[in-house]
Amino acid sequence: MKVLAEERKTEFDVDNSKMNDVQQFIERARNYTHIKELSPAIVNEFVDRIIISQKQTIDSNTVYPIDIFYRGVGIIDMPTAEEMEALFQEHIQQKRVSKGKTA
């Protein structure tokens, strides 16, 4: 029983730490709501590290995969251009539907 309680406490502490890290990230992000240019101060505030992988050739194009680890939240998977377009179209469609509704 004692071992299980210690495991649960450790899990709770890890979850609590992650929650605090995300909260700190959100608080920092509030200072930069309209970023027009990426400055060294902003990079230092948000980016923990950047990993550039070995070059790859995809469809005869040379690319260097990049992973950006954000301070406090780790790596964030960004949607592809196609996924962004689909999300944007979905957003536009929802706006049209909500405008068409009247009370």
PDB file of N, CA and C in Angstrom:
ATOM      1  N   MET A   1       0.818  -1.198   0.000  1.00  0.00           N
ATOM      2  CA  MET A   1       0.000   0.000   0.000  1.00  0.00           C
ATOM      3  C   MET A   1       0.859   1.259   0.000  1.00  0.00           C
ATOM      4  N   LYS A   2       1.938   1.235   0.803  1.00  0.00           N
ATOM      5  CA  LYS A   2       2.789   2.410   0.914  1.00  0.00           C
ATOM      6  C   LYS A   2       3.467   2.719  -0.415  1.00  0.00           C
ATOM      7  N   VAL A   3       3.881   1.669  -1.150  1.00  0.00           N
ATOM      8  CA  VAL A   3       4.540   1.855  -2.446  1.00  0.00           C
ATOM      9  C   VAL A   3       3.564   2.493  -3.432  1.00  0.00           C
ATOM     10  N   LEU A   4       2.324   2.017  -3.440  1.00  0.00           N
ATOM     11  CA  LEU A   4       1.309   2.578  -4.327  1.00  0.00           C
ATOM     12  C   LEU A   4       1.047   4.044  -4.003  1.00  0.00           C
ATOM     13  N   ALA A   5       1.001   4.377  -2.738  1.00  0.00           N
ATOM     14  CA  ALA A   5       0.785   5.765  -2.331  1.00  0.00           C
ATOM     15  C   ALA A   5       1.956   6.642  -2.768  1.00  0.00           C
ATOM     16  N   GLU A   6       3.163   6.129  -2.656  1.00  0.00           N
ATOM     17  CA  GLU A   6       4.338   6.895  -3.083  1.00  0.00           C
ATOM     18  C   GLU A   6       4.338   7.097  -4.599  1.00  0.00           C
ATOM     19  N   GLU A   7       3.910   6.065  -5.352  1.00  0.00           N
ATOM     20  CA  GLU A   7       3.827   6.183  -6.815  1.00  0.00           C
ATOM     21  C   GLU A   7       2.798   7.236  -7.201  1.00  0.00           C
ATOM     22  N   ARG A   8       1.658   7.227  -6.527  1.00  0.00           N
ATOM     23  CA  ARG A   8       0.597   8.202  -6.817  1.00  0.00           C
ATOM     24  C   ARG A   8       1.067   9.623  -6.493  1.00  0.00           C
ATOM     25  N   LYS A   9       1.797   9.773  -5.391  1.00  0.00           N
ATOM     26  CA  LYS A   9       2.315  11.095  -5.024  1.00  0.00           C
ATOM     27  C   LYS A   9       3.303  11.582  -6.074  1.00  0.00           C
ATOM     28  N   THR A  10       4.163  10.682  -6.558  1.00  0.00           N
ATOM     29  CA  THR A  10       5.134  11.050  -7.591  1.00  0.00           C
ATOM     30  C   THR A  10       4.406  11.469  -8.872  1.00  0.00           C
ATOM     31  N   GLU A  11       3.388  10.702  -9.274  1.00  0.00           N
ATOM     32  CA  GLU A  11       2.598  11.055 -10.463  1.00  0.00           C
ATOM     33  C   GLU A  11       1.929  12.415 -10.277  1.00  0.00           C
ATOM     34  N   PHE A  12       1.395  12.644  -9.096  1.00  0.00           N
ATOM     35  CA  PHE A  12       0.740  13.914  -8.809  1.00  0.00           C
ATOM     36  C   PHE A  12       1.743  15.060  -8.905  1.00  0.00           C
ATOM     37  N   ASP A  13       2.934  14.876  -8.335  1.00  0.00           N
ATOM     38  CA  ASP A  13       3.963  15.912  -8.368  1.00  0.00           C
ATOM     39  C   ASP A  13       4.391  16.223  -9.800  1.00  0.00           C
ATOM     40  N   VAL A  14       4.545  15.189 -10.630  1.00  0.00           N
ATOM     41  CA  VAL A  14       4.927  15.385 -12.037  1.00  0.00           C
ATOM     42  C   VAL A  14       3.829  16.142 -12.772  1.00  0.00           C
ATOM     43  N   ASP A  15       2.574  15.725 -12.601  1.00  0.00           N
ATOM     44  CA  ASP A  15       1.451  16.406 -13.246  1.00  0.00           C
ATOM     45  C   ASP A  15       1.353  17.858 -12.789  1.00  0.00           C
ATOM     46  N   ASN A  16       1.545  18.087 -11.514  1.00  0.00           N
ATOM     47  CA  ASN A  16       1.481  19.437 -10.958  1.00  0.00           C
ATOM     48  C   ASN A  16       2.594  20.312 -11.555  1.00  0.00           C
ATOM     49  N   SER A  17       3.784  19.733 -11.698  1.00  0.00           N
ATOM     50  CA  SER A  17       4.910  20.460 -12.276  1.00  0.00           C
ATOM     51  C   SER A  17       4.628  20.822 -13.734  1.00  0.00           C
ATOM     52  N   LYS A  18       4.074  19.887 -14.503  1.00  0.00           N
ATOM     53  CA  LYS A  18       3.725  20.154 -15.902  1.00  0.00           C
ATOM     54  C   LYS A  18       2.689  21.261 -15.993  1.00  0.00           C
ATOM     55  N   MET A  19       1.690  21.222 -15.107  1.00  0.00           N
ATOM     56  CA  MET A  19       0.650  22.235 -15.105  1.00  0.00           C
ATOM     57  C   MET A  19       1.246  23.613 -14.805  1.00  0.00           C
ATOM     58  N   ASN A  20       2.173  23.672 -13.859  1.00  0.00           N
ATOM     59  CA  ASN A  20       2.824  24.942 -13.540  1.00  0.00           C
ATOM     60  C   ASN A  20       3.649  25.449 -14.713  1.00  0.00           C
ATOM     61  N   ASP A  21       4.344  24.538 -15.409  1.00  0.00           N
ATOM     62  CA  ASP A  21       5.135  24.934 -16.574  1.00  0.00           C
ATOM     63  C   ASP A  21       4.250  25.532 -17.664  1.00  0.00           C
ATOM     64  N   VAL A  22       3.122  24.899 -17.928  1.00  0.00           N
ATOM     65  CA  VAL A  22       2.197  25.407 -18.944  1.00  0.00           C
ATOM     66  C   VAL A  22       1.639  26.758 -18.513  1.00  0.00           C
ATOM     67  N   GLN A  23       1.311  26.901 -17.249  1.00  0.00           N
ATOM     68  CA  GLN A  23       0.788  28.176 -16.743  1.00  0.00           C
ATOM     69  C   GLN A  23       1.818  29.288 -16.917  1.00  0.00           C
ATOM     70  N   GLN A  24       3.084  29.002 -16.627  1.00  0.00           N
ATOM     71  CA  GLN A  24       4.141  29.995 -16.811  1.00  0.00           C
ATOM     72  C   GLN A  24       4.296  30.362 -18.285  1.00  0.00           C
ATOM     73  N   PHE A  25       4.187  29.370 -19.169  1.00  0.00           N
ATOM     74  CA  PHE A  25       4.272  29.635 -20.607  1.00  0.00           C
ATOM     75  C   PHE A  25       3.143  30.568 -21.047  1.00  0.00           C
ATOM     76  N   ILE A  26       1.934  30.311 -20.568  1.00  0.00           N
ATOM     77  CA  ILE A  26       0.778  31.147 -20.918  1.00  0.00           C
ATOM     78  C   ILE A  26       0.972  32.566 -20.407  1.00  0.00           C
ATOM     79  N   GLU A  27       1.479  32.706 -19.202  1.00  0.00           N
ATOM     80  CA  GLU A  27       1.722  34.043 -18.650  1.00  0.00           C
ATOM     81  C   GLU A  27       2.756  34.807 -19.476  1.00  0.00           C
ATOM     82  N   ARG A  28       3.814  34.114 -19.912  1.00  0.00           N
ATOM     83  CA  ARG A  28       4.808  34.768 -20.778  1.00  0.00           C
ATOM     84  C   ARG A  28       4.190  35.142 -22.115  1.00  0.00           C
ATOM     85  N   ALA A  29       3.357  34.264 -22.663  1.00  0.00           N
ATOM     86  CA  ALA A  29       2.740  34.519 -23.970  1.00  0.00           C
ATOM     87  C   ALA A  29       1.827  35.736 -23.926  1.00  0.00           C
ATOM     88  N   ARG A  30       1.199  35.989 -22.802  1.00  0.00           N
ATOM     89  CA  ARG A  30       0.316  37.156 -22.689  1.00  0.00           C
ATOM     90  C   ARG A  30       1.062  38.470 -22.903  1.00  0.00           C
ATOM     91  N   ASN A  31       2.367  38.477 -22.629  1.00  0.00           N
ATOM     92  CA  ASN A  31       3.164  39.681 -22.842  1.00  0.00           C
ATOM     93  C   ASN A  31       3.398  39.961 -24.322  1.00  0.00           C
ATOM     94  N   TYR A  32       3.165  38.963 -25.178  1.00  0.00           N
ATOM     95  CA  TYR A  32       3.462  39.088 -26.601  1.00  0.00           C
ATOM     96  C   TYR A  32       2.248  38.676 -27.429  1.00  0.00           C
ATOM     97  N   THR A  33       1.159  39.403 -27.329  1.00  0.00           N
ATOM     98  CA  THR A  33      -0.049  39.000 -28.041  1.00  0.00           C
ATOM     99  C   THR A  33      -0.017  39.344 -29.522  1.00  0.00           C
ATOM    100  N   HIS A  34       0.720  40.357 -29.908  1.00  0.00           N
ATOM    101  CA  HIS A  34       0.772  40.766 -31.313  1.00  0.00           C
ATOM    102  C   HIS A  34       2.218  40.858 -31.772  1.00  0.00           C
ATOM    103  N   ILE A  35       2.859  39.714 -31.936  1.00  0.00           N
ATOM    104  CA  ILE A  35       4.259  39.687 -32.348  1.00  0.00           C
ATOM    105  C   ILE A  35       4.325  39.959 -33.850  1.00  0.00           C
ATOM    106  N   LYS A  36       5.050  40.994 -34.223  1.00  0.00           N
ATOM    107  CA  LYS A  36       5.214  41.327 -35.634  1.00  0.00           C
ATOM    108  C   LYS A  36       6.591  40.919 -36.136  1.00  0.00           C
ATOM    109  N   GLU A  37       7.534  40.767 -35.228  1.00  0.00           N
ATOM    110  CA  GLU A  37       8.896  40.432 -35.600  1.00  0.00           C
ATOM    111  C   GLU A  37       9.505  39.592 -34.496  1.00  0.00           C
ATOM    112  N   LEU A  38      10.234  38.559 -34.891  1.00  0.00           N
ATOM    113  CA  LEU A  38      10.862  37.680 -33.917  1.00  0.00           C
ATOM    114  C   LEU A  38      12.187  38.290 -33.487  1.00  0.00           C
ATOM    115  N   SER A  39      12.251  38.702 -32.248  1.00  0.00           N
ATOM    116  CA  SER A  39      13.464  39.333 -31.726  1.00  0.00           C
ATOM    117  C   SER A  39      14.223  38.335 -30.852  1.00  0.00           C
ATOM    118  N   PRO A  40      15.495  38.606 -30.585  1.00  0.00           N
ATOM    119  CA  PRO A  40      16.254  37.723 -29.684  1.00  0.00           C
ATOM    120  C   PRO A  40      15.603  37.602 -28.302  1.00  0.00           C
ATOM    121  N   ALA A  41      14.997  38.681 -27.804  1.00  0.00           N
ATOM    122  CA  ALA A  41      14.343  38.636 -26.490  1.00  0.00           C
ATOM    123  C   ALA A  41      13.179  37.655 -26.499  1.00  0.00           C
ATOM    124  N   ILE A  42      12.404  37.660 -27.573  1.00  0.00           N
ATOM    125  CA  ILE A  42      11.259  36.748 -27.664  1.00  0.00           C
ATOM    126  C   ILE A  42      11.741  35.309 -27.772  1.00  0.00           C
ATOM    127  N   VAL A  43      12.753  35.075 -28.589  1.00  0.00           N
ATOM    128  CA  VAL A  43      13.290  33.721 -28.726  1.00  0.00           C
ATOM    129  C   VAL A  43      13.807  33.231 -27.381  1.00  0.00           C
ATOM    130  N   ASN A  44      14.551  34.064 -26.671  1.00  0.00           N
ATOM    131  CA  ASN A  44      15.077  33.664 -25.357  1.00  0.00           C
ATOM    132  C   ASN A  44      13.968  33.414 -24.347  1.00  0.00           C
ATOM    133  N   GLU A  45      12.872  34.124 -24.472  1.00  0.00           N
ATOM    134  CA  GLU A  45      11.746  33.981 -23.545  1.00  0.00           C
ATOM    135  C   GLU A  45      11.004  32.662 -23.764  1.00  0.00           C
ATOM    136  N   PHE A  46      10.846  32.254 -25.019  1.00  0.00           N
ATOM    137  CA  PHE A  46       9.978  31.122 -25.337  1.00  0.00           C
ATOM    138  C   PHE A  46      10.692  29.837 -25.736  1.00  0.00           C
ATOM    139  N   VAL A  47      11.879  29.924 -26.334  1.00  0.00           N
ATOM    140  CA  VAL A  47      12.516  28.744 -26.911  1.00  0.00           C
ATOM    141  C   VAL A  47      13.576  28.196 -25.964  1.00  0.00           C
ATOM    142  N   ASP A  48      13.446  26.909 -25.665  1.00  0.00           N
ATOM    143  CA  ASP A  48      14.424  26.225 -24.821  1.00  0.00           C
ATOM    144  C   ASP A  48      15.602  25.774 -25.672  1.00  0.00           C
ATOM    145  N   ARG A  49      15.293  25.081 -26.782  1.00  0.00           N
ATOM    146  CA  ARG A  49      16.357  24.649 -27.693  1.00  0.00           C
ATOM    147  C   ARG A  49      15.755  24.351 -29.065  1.00  0.00           C
ATOM    148  N   ILE A  50      16.638  24.379 -30.066  1.00  0.00           N
ATOM    149  CA  ILE A  50      16.256  24.066 -31.440  1.00  0.00           C
ATOM    150  C   ILE A  50      17.193  22.971 -31.924  1.00  0.00           C
ATOM    151  N   ILE A  51      16.610  21.909 -32.460  1.00  0.00           N
ATOM    152  CA  ILE A  51      17.413  20.805 -32.978  1.00  0.00           C
ATOM    153  C   ILE A  51      17.207  20.742 -34.482  1.00  0.00           C
ATOM    154  N   ILE A  52      18.308  20.853 -35.210  1.00  0.00           N
ATOM    155  CA  ILE A  52      18.264  20.756 -36.671  1.00  0.00           C
ATOM    156  C   ILE A  52      18.837  19.398 -37.041  1.00  0.00           C
ATOM    157  N   SER A  53      18.004  18.577 -37.693  1.00  0.00           N
ATOM    158  CA  SER A  53      18.419  17.225 -38.053  1.00  0.00           C
ATOM    159  C   SER A  53      19.221  17.229 -39.351  1.00  0.00           C
ATOM    160  N   GLN A  54      19.764  16.064 -39.690  1.00  0.00           N
ATOM    161  CA  GLN A  54      20.535  15.942 -40.921  1.00  0.00           C
ATOM    162  C   GLN A  54      19.648  16.203 -42.119  1.00  0.00           C
ATOM    163  N   LYS A  55      20.258  16.697 -43.182  1.00  0.00           N
ATOM    164  CA  LYS A  55      19.479  17.024 -44.364  1.00  0.00           C
ATOM    165  C   LYS A  55      18.871  15.778 -44.963  1.00  0.00           C
ATOM    166  N   GLN A  56      17.708  15.971 -45.552  1.00  0.00           N
ATOM    167  CA  GLN A  56      16.988  14.902 -46.227  1.00  0.00           C
ATOM    168  C   GLN A  56      16.576  15.405 -47.597  1.00  0.00           C
ATOM    169  N   THR A  57      16.420  14.483 -48.524  1.00  0.00           N
ATOM    170  CA  THR A  57      15.925  14.845 -49.842  1.00  0.00           C
ATOM    171  C   THR A  57      14.532  14.273 -49.992  1.00  0.00           C
ATOM    172  N   ILE A  58      13.562  15.171 -50.185  1.00  0.00           N
ATOM    173  CA  ILE A  58      12.169  14.772 -50.347  1.00  0.00           C
ATOM    174  C   ILE A  58      11.681  15.365 -51.659  1.00  0.00           C
ATOM    175  N   ASP A  59      11.258  14.500 -52.589  1.00  0.00           N
ATOM    176  CA  ASP A  59      10.792  14.933 -53.908  1.00  0.00           C
ATOM    177  C   ASP A  59      11.807  15.863 -54.564  1.00  0.00           C
ATOM    178  N   SER A  60      13.049  15.476 -54.543  1.00  0.00           N
ATOM    179  CA  SER A  60      14.193  16.206 -55.112  1.00  0.00           C
ATOM    180  C   SER A  60      14.425  17.572 -54.471  1.00  0.00           C
ATOM    181  N   ASN A  61      13.839  17.804 -53.304  1.00  0.00           N
ATOM    182  CA  ASN A  61      14.095  19.027 -52.539  1.00  0.00           C
ATOM    183  C   ASN A  61      14.908  18.681 -51.301  1.00  0.00           C
ATOM    184  N   THR A  62      15.913  19.487 -51.012  1.00  0.00           N
ATOM    185  CA  THR A  62      16.720  19.275 -49.820  1.00  0.00           C
ATOM    186  C   THR A  62      16.071  20.020 -48.657  1.00  0.00           C
ATOM    187  N   VAL A  63      15.813  19.289 -47.573  1.00  0.00           N
ATOM    188  CA  VAL A  63      15.193  19.894 -46.392  1.00  0.00           C
ATOM    189  C   VAL A  63      15.996  19.521 -45.155  1.00  0.00           C
ATOM    190  N   TYR A  64      15.918  20.366 -44.153  1.00  0.00           N
ATOM    191  CA  TYR A  64      16.540  20.126 -42.858  1.00  0.00           C
ATOM    192  C   TYR A  64      15.434  20.139 -41.810  1.00  0.00           C
ATOM    193  N   PRO A  65      14.986  18.959 -41.339  1.00  0.00           N
ATOM    194  CA  PRO A  65      13.943  18.932 -40.315  1.00  0.00           C
ATOM    195  C   PRO A  65      14.381  19.679 -39.055  1.00  0.00           C
ATOM    196  N   ILE A  66      13.486  20.483 -38.527  1.00  0.00           N
ATOM    197  CA  ILE A  66      13.775  21.292 -37.349  1.00  0.00           C
ATOM    198  C   ILE A  66      12.745  20.991 -36.265  1.00  0.00           C
ATOM    199  N   ASP A  67      13.214  20.737 -35.055  1.00  0.00           N
ATOM    200  CA  ASP A  67      12.347  20.573 -33.887  1.00  0.00           C
ATOM    201  C   ASP A  67      12.612  21.744 -32.953  1.00  0.00           C
ATOM    202  N   ILE A  68      11.550  22.452 -32.576  1.00  0.00           N
ATOM    203  CA  ILE A  68      11.672  23.573 -31.652  1.00  0.00           C
ATOM    204  C   ILE A  68      11.046  23.156 -30.327  1.00  0.00           C
ATOM    205  N   PHE A  69      11.830  23.195 -29.266  1.00  0.00           N
ATOM    206  CA  PHE A  69      11.346  22.864 -27.935  1.00  0.00           C
ATOM    207  C   PHE A  69      11.071  24.173 -27.201  1.00  0.00           C
ATOM    208  N   TYR A  70       9.822  24.385 -26.866  1.00  0.00           N
ATOM    209  CA  TYR A  70       9.424  25.625 -26.207  1.00  0.00           C
ATOM    210  C   TYR A  70       9.620  25.505 -24.702  1.00  0.00           C
ATOM    211  N   ARG A  71      10.077  26.571 -24.088  1.00  0.00           N
ATOM    212  CA  ARG A  71      10.350  26.612 -22.658  1.00  0.00           C
ATOM    213  C   ARG A  71       9.058  26.328 -21.891  1.00  0.00           C
ATOM    214  N   GLY A  72       9.099  25.312 -21.046  1.00  0.00           N
ATOM    215  CA  GLY A  72       7.964  25.013 -20.184  1.00  0.00           C
ATOM    216  C   GLY A  72       6.954  24.043 -20.756  1.00  0.00           C
ATOM    217  N   VAL A  73       6.859  23.921 -22.094  1.00  0.00           N
ATOM    218  CA  VAL A  73       5.848  23.030 -22.653  1.00  0.00           C
ATOM    219  C   VAL A  73       6.429  21.982 -23.591  1.00  0.00           C
ATOM    220  N   GLY A  74       7.705  22.036 -23.878  1.00  0.00           N
ATOM    221  CA  GLY A  74       8.328  21.043 -24.749  1.00  0.00           C
ATOM    222  C   GLY A  74       8.050  21.317 -26.207  1.00  0.00           C
ATOM    223  N   ILE A  75       8.008  20.250 -26.980  1.00  0.00           N
ATOM    224  CA  ILE A  75       7.801  20.392 -28.420  1.00  0.00           C
ATOM    225  C   ILE A  75       6.312  20.426 -28.713  1.00  0.00           C
ATOM    226  N   ILE A  76       5.918  21.269 -29.630  1.00  0.00           N
ATOM    227  CA  ILE A  76       4.516  21.402 -30.013  1.00  0.00           C
ATOM    228  C   ILE A  76       4.398  20.982 -31.467  1.00  0.00           C
ATOM    229  N   ASP A  77       3.539  20.018 -31.744  1.00  0.00           N
ATOM    230  CA  ASP A  77       3.347  19.594 -33.122  1.00  0.00           C
ATOM    231  C   ASP A  77       2.492  20.619 -33.851  1.00  0.00           C
ATOM    232  N   MET A  78       3.073  21.206 -34.878  1.00  0.00           N
ATOM    233  CA  MET A  78       2.357  22.195 -35.672  1.00  0.00           C
ATOM    234  C   MET A  78       1.653  21.485 -36.812  1.00  0.00           C
ATOM    235  N   PRO A  79       0.443  21.949 -37.169  1.00  0.00           N
ATOM    236  CA  PRO A  79      -0.249  21.339 -38.305  1.00  0.00           C
ATOM    237  C   PRO A  79       0.475  21.644 -39.612  1.00  0.00           C
ATOM    238  N   THR A  80       0.308  20.753 -40.578  1.00  0.00           N
ATOM    239  CA  THR A  80       0.889  20.985 -41.895  1.00  0.00           C
ATOM    240  C   THR A  80       0.115  22.100 -42.591  1.00  0.00           C
ATOM    241  N   ALA A  81       0.637  22.566 -43.718  1.00  0.00           N
ATOM    242  CA  ALA A  81      -0.043  23.621 -44.475  1.00  0.00           C
ATOM    243  C   ALA A  81      -1.443  23.162 -44.887  1.00  0.00           C
ATOM    244  N   GLU A  82      -1.565  21.911 -45.276  1.00  0.00           N
ATOM    245  CA  GLU A  82      -2.871  21.376 -45.674  1.00  0.00           C
ATOM    246  C   GLU A  82      -3.837  21.342 -44.490  1.00  0.00           C
ATOM    247  N   GLU A  83      -3.332  20.931 -43.327  1.00  0.00           N
ATOM    248  CA  GLU A  83      -4.177  20.898 -42.127  1.00  0.00           C
ATOM    249  C   GLU A  83      -4.598  22.310 -41.713  1.00  0.00           C
ATOM    250  N   MET A  84      -3.669  23.269 -41.835  1.00  0.00           N
ATOM    251  CA  MET A  84      -4.000  24.660 -41.514  1.00  0.00           C
ATOM    252  C   MET A  84      -5.099  25.178 -42.437  1.00  0.00           C
ATOM    253  N   GLU A  85      -4.995  24.869 -43.724  1.00  0.00           N
ATOM    254  CA  GLU A  85      -6.005  25.304 -44.691  1.00  0.00           C
ATOM    255  C   GLU A  85      -7.361  24.688 -44.357  1.00  0.00           C
ATOM    256  N   ALA A  86      -7.376  23.391 -44.020  1.00  0.00           N
ATOM    257  CA  ALA A  86      -8.629  22.724 -43.665  1.00  0.00           C
ATOM    258  C   ALA A  86      -9.235  23.362 -42.407  1.00  0.00           C
ATOM    259  N   LEU A  87      -8.407  23.649 -41.415  1.00  0.00           N
ATOM    260  CA  LEU A  87      -8.898  24.300 -40.196  1.00  0.00           C
ATOM    261  C   LEU A  87      -9.442  25.692 -40.489  1.00  0.00           C
ATOM    262  N   PHE A  88      -8.763  26.421 -41.375  1.00  0.00           N
ATOM    263  CA  PHE A  88      -9.212  27.763 -41.745  1.00  0.00           C
ATOM    264  C   PHE A  88     -10.559  27.687 -42.465  1.00  0.00           C
ATOM    265  N   GLN A  89     -10.694  26.762 -43.410  1.00  0.00           N
ATOM    266  CA  GLN A  89     -11.958  26.615 -44.133  1.00  0.00           C
ATOM    267  C   GLN A  89     -13.092  26.225 -43.192  1.00  0.00           C
ATOM    268  N   GLU A  90     -12.800  25.370 -42.229  1.00  0.00           N
ATOM    269  CA  GLU A  90     -13.795  24.974 -41.223  1.00  0.00           C
ATOM    270  C   GLU A  90     -14.219  26.185 -40.396  1.00  0.00           C
ATOM    271  N   HIS A  91     -13.249  27.013 -40.022  1.00  0.00           N
ATOM    272  CA  HIS A  91     -13.541  28.225 -39.253  1.00  0.00           C
ATOM    273  C   HIS A  91     -14.440  29.174 -40.056  1.00  0.00           C
ATOM    274  N   ILE A  92     -14.115  29.370 -41.329  1.00  0.00           N
ATOM    275  CA  ILE A  92     -14.919  30.249 -42.197  1.00  0.00           C
ATOM    276  C   ILE A  92     -16.339  29.708 -42.310  1.00  0.00           C
ATOM    277  N   GLN A  93     -16.466  28.409 -42.494  1.00  0.00           N
ATOM    278  CA  GLN A  93     -17.789  27.796 -42.607  1.00  0.00           C
ATOM    279  C   GLN A  93     -18.597  27.992 -41.327  1.00  0.00           C
ATOM    280  N   GLN A  94     -17.967  27.832 -40.173  1.00  0.00           N
ATOM    281  CA  GLN A  94     -18.670  28.019 -38.905  1.00  0.00           C
ATOM    282  C   GLN A  94     -19.113  29.462 -38.736  1.00  0.00           C
ATOM    283  N   LYS A  95     -18.295  30.413 -39.180  1.00  0.00           N
ATOM    284  CA  LYS A  95     -18.682  31.822 -39.103  1.00  0.00           C
ATOM    285  C   LYS A  95     -19.902  32.097 -39.983  1.00  0.00           C
ATOM    286  N   ARG A  96     -19.934  31.495 -41.176  1.00  0.00           N
ATOM    287  CA  ARG A  96     -21.086  31.681 -42.085  1.00  0.00           C
ATOM    288  C   ARG A  96     -22.358  31.135 -41.453  1.00  0.00           C
ATOM    289  N   VAL A  97     -22.251  29.952 -40.847  1.00  0.00           N
ATOM    290  CA  VAL A  97     -23.420  29.319 -40.227  1.00  0.00           C
ATOM    291  C   VAL A  97     -23.915  30.164 -39.069  1.00  0.00           C
ATOM    292  N   SER A  98     -22.995  30.664 -38.228  1.00  0.00           N
ATOM    293  CA  SER A  98     -23.409  31.447 -37.064  1.00  0.00           C
ATOM    294  C   SER A  98     -23.971  32.799 -37.484  1.00  0.00           C
ATOM    295  N   LYS A  99     -23.507  33.382 -38.598  1.00  0.00           N
ATOM    296  CA  LYS A  99     -24.074  34.645 -39.080  1.00  0.00           C
ATOM    297  C   LYS A  99     -25.484  34.449 -39.609  1.00  0.00           C
ATOM    298  N   GLY A 100     -25.732  33.277 -40.181  1.00  0.00           N
ATOM    299  CA  GLY A 100     -27.054  32.992 -40.753  1.00  0.00           C
ATOM    300  C   GLY A 100     -28.119  32.796 -39.686  1.00  0.00           C
ATOM    301  N   LYS A 101     -27.734  32.448 -38.488  1.00  0.00           N
ATOM    302  CA  LYS A 101     -28.691  32.244 -37.402  1.00  0.00           C
ATOM    303  C   LYS A 101     -29.095  33.583 -36.827  1.00  0.00           C
ATOM    304  N   THR A 102     -30.378  33.776 -36.637  1.00  0.00           N
ATOM    305  CA  THR A 102     -30.867  34.986 -35.988  1.00  0.00           C
ATOM    306  C   THR A 102     -31.796  34.610 -34.873  1.00  0.00           C
ATOM    307  N   ALA A 103     -31.867  35.465 -33.889  1.00  0.00           N
ATOM    308  CA  ALA A 103     -32.708  35.171 -32.724  1.00  0.00           C
ATOM    309  C   ALA A 103     -34.063  35.767 -32.881  1.00  0.00           C
TER     310      ALA A 103
END
